[in-house]
Amino acid sequence: AEVESALIGHPGVVESAAVGVPDDLKGEVVWCYVVLHAGFEPNDGLRDELRSRVAGALGKPFAPSRVLFVAELPRTRSAKVLRRAVRARALGLDAGDLSGLENPGALEAIDLAK
């Protein structure tokens, strides 16, 4: 939640989802999926700026190892971001029951963002 809050504090970020993924060296690292406001273009400069923002707010160990830009995040019908599905897709795993998913196309964006 703290990582997501740091990202959302950036004027170009509409919303974000931070998920932990296994890492051989660190045990687990953070990957962030970010939806941008209109007028902001996904690029390496913005990616570095967002990583630095998290590091500045929470400390260098919390800087995301990856920042990936997507058009939307998968949501339930009650508008909650389905982080377990984001993590599963990021890792290439079965996301489980997705019957409550409002926007299944968002999962394809997660696959493409890798």
Protein backbone atom coordinates (compact mmCIF):
# COMPACT_ATOMS: atom_id res chain seq x y z
CA ALA A 1 0.00 0.00 0.00
CA GLU A 2 2.84 2.40 0.81
CA VAL A 3 4.50 1.81 -2.56
CA GLU A 4 1.21 2.42 -4.36
CA SER A 5 0.62 5.61 -2.35
CA ALA A 6 4.06 6.94 -3.28
CA LEU A 7 3.34 6.28 -6.96
CA ILE A 8 -0.14 7.81 -6.87
CA GLY A 9 1.39 10.98 -5.45
CA HIS A 10 2.99 11.59 -8.85
CA PRO A 11 0.85 13.90 -11.02
CA GLY A 12 0.97 11.49 -13.95
CA VAL A 13 -0.27 8.41 -12.10
CA VAL A 14 -3.97 7.56 -11.95
CA GLU A 15 -3.58 4.29 -10.08
CA SER A 16 -1.11 1.53 -9.46
CA ALA A 17 -0.80 -2.04 -8.21
CA ALA A 18 2.34 -3.26 -6.48
CA VAL A 19 2.99 -6.99 -6.28
CA GLY A 20 5.80 -9.03 -4.80
CA VAL A 21 7.59 -11.46 -7.10
CA PRO A 22 10.28 -14.01 -6.23
CA ASP A 23 13.90 -13.01 -6.78
CA ASP A 24 16.91 -15.31 -6.56
CA LEU A 25 19.11 -12.69 -4.93
CA LYS A 26 16.73 -10.73 -2.67
CA GLY A 27 14.04 -13.31 -2.01
CA GLU A 28 11.27 -11.02 -3.23
CA VAL A 29 11.14 -7.76 -5.19
CA VAL A 30 8.35 -5.33 -6.05
CA TRP A 31 6.91 -4.92 -9.53
CA CYS A 32 4.52 -2.03 -10.06
CA TYR A 33 1.84 -1.77 -12.72
CA VAL A 34 0.93 1.86 -13.36
CA VAL A 35 -1.96 3.55 -15.18
CA LEU A 36 -1.12 7.05 -16.40
CA HIS A 37 -3.24 10.16 -16.78
CA ALA A 38 -3.92 11.36 -20.31
CA GLY A 39 -1.03 13.44 -21.58
CA PHE A 40 1.66 11.38 -19.86
CA GLU A 41 3.63 9.03 -22.06
CA PRO A 42 5.18 5.83 -20.75
CA ASN A 43 8.95 6.05 -21.17
CA ASP A 44 12.19 5.16 -19.40
CA GLY A 45 12.55 8.64 -17.92
CA LEU A 46 9.15 8.44 -16.24
CA ARG A 47 9.87 4.88 -15.13
CA ASP A 48 13.10 6.04 -13.44
CA GLU A 49 11.30 9.01 -11.90
CA LEU A 50 8.66 6.73 -10.37
CA ARG A 51 11.28 4.33 -9.01
CA SER A 52 13.14 7.27 -7.46
CA ARG A 53 9.92 8.60 -5.97
CA VAL A 54 9.29 5.33 -4.14
CA ALA A 55 12.93 5.11 -3.01
CA GLY A 56 12.76 8.67 -1.70
CA ALA A 57 9.53 8.06 0.19
CA LEU A 58 10.22 4.59 1.60
CA GLY A 59 13.94 3.95 1.24
CA LYS A 60 16.06 2.49 -1.50
CA PRO A 61 15.26 -1.18 -0.68
CA PHE A 62 11.60 -0.51 -1.51
CA ALA A 63 12.23 0.89 -4.99
CA PRO A 64 10.39 -1.30 -7.51
CA SER A 65 12.65 -3.49 -9.60
CA ARG A 66 10.18 -3.03 -12.47
CA VAL A 67 7.65 -0.34 -13.31
CA LEU A 68 5.30 -1.45 -16.07
CA PHE A 69 2.74 0.78 -17.75
CA VAL A 70 -0.76 -0.55 -18.50
CA ALA A 71 -3.98 1.01 -19.78
CA GLU A 72 -6.04 -0.41 -16.91
CA LEU A 73 -5.86 -2.74 -13.94
CA PRO A 74 -8.12 -5.75 -13.47
CA ARG A 75 -11.06 -4.95 -11.18
CA THR A 76 -13.84 -6.76 -9.45
CA ARG A 77 -17.43 -5.66 -9.93
CA SER A 78 -17.07 -3.66 -6.71
CA ALA A 79 -14.16 -1.74 -8.35
CA LYS A 80 -11.36 -3.28 -6.27
CA VAL A 81 -8.07 -4.01 -8.02
CA LEU A 82 -7.55 -7.77 -8.21
CA ARG A 83 -3.88 -7.87 -7.15
CA ARG A 84 -3.73 -11.66 -6.87
CA ALA A 85 -4.62 -11.87 -10.56
CA VAL A 86 -2.00 -9.26 -11.42
CA ARG A 87 0.65 -11.22 -9.51
CA ALA A 88 -0.40 -14.54 -11.02
CA ARG A 89 -0.24 -13.13 -14.56
CA ALA A 90 3.11 -11.48 -13.85
CA LEU A 91 4.49 -14.86 -12.80
CA GLY A 92 2.76 -16.81 -15.56
CA LEU A 93 0.61 -18.71 -13.06
CA ASP A 94 -3.06 -19.62 -13.04
CA ALA A 95 -4.99 -16.66 -11.64
CA GLY A 96 -7.71 -18.89 -10.18
CA ASP A 97 -11.37 -17.94 -10.09
CA LEU A 98 -11.91 -14.80 -12.13
CA SER A 99 -15.69 -14.92 -12.22
CA GLY A 100 -15.87 -11.60 -10.34
CA LEU A 101 -13.59 -9.85 -12.81
CA GLU A 102 -15.24 -6.84 -14.42
CA ASN A 103 -12.66 -6.18 -17.15
CA PRO A 104 -10.91 -9.37 -18.34
CA GLY A 105 -9.05 -7.46 -21.06
CA ALA A 106 -6.95 -5.83 -18.35
CA LEU A 107 -5.24 -9.15 -17.69
CA GLU A 108 -4.06 -9.26 -21.29
CA ALA A 109 -2.42 -5.88 -20.71
CA ILE A 110 -0.55 -7.38 -17.75
CA ASP A 111 0.73 -10.15 -20.02
CA LEU A 112 1.85 -7.66 -22.65
CA ALA A 113 3.59 -5.39 -20.16
CA LYS A 114 6.19 -8.01 -19.19
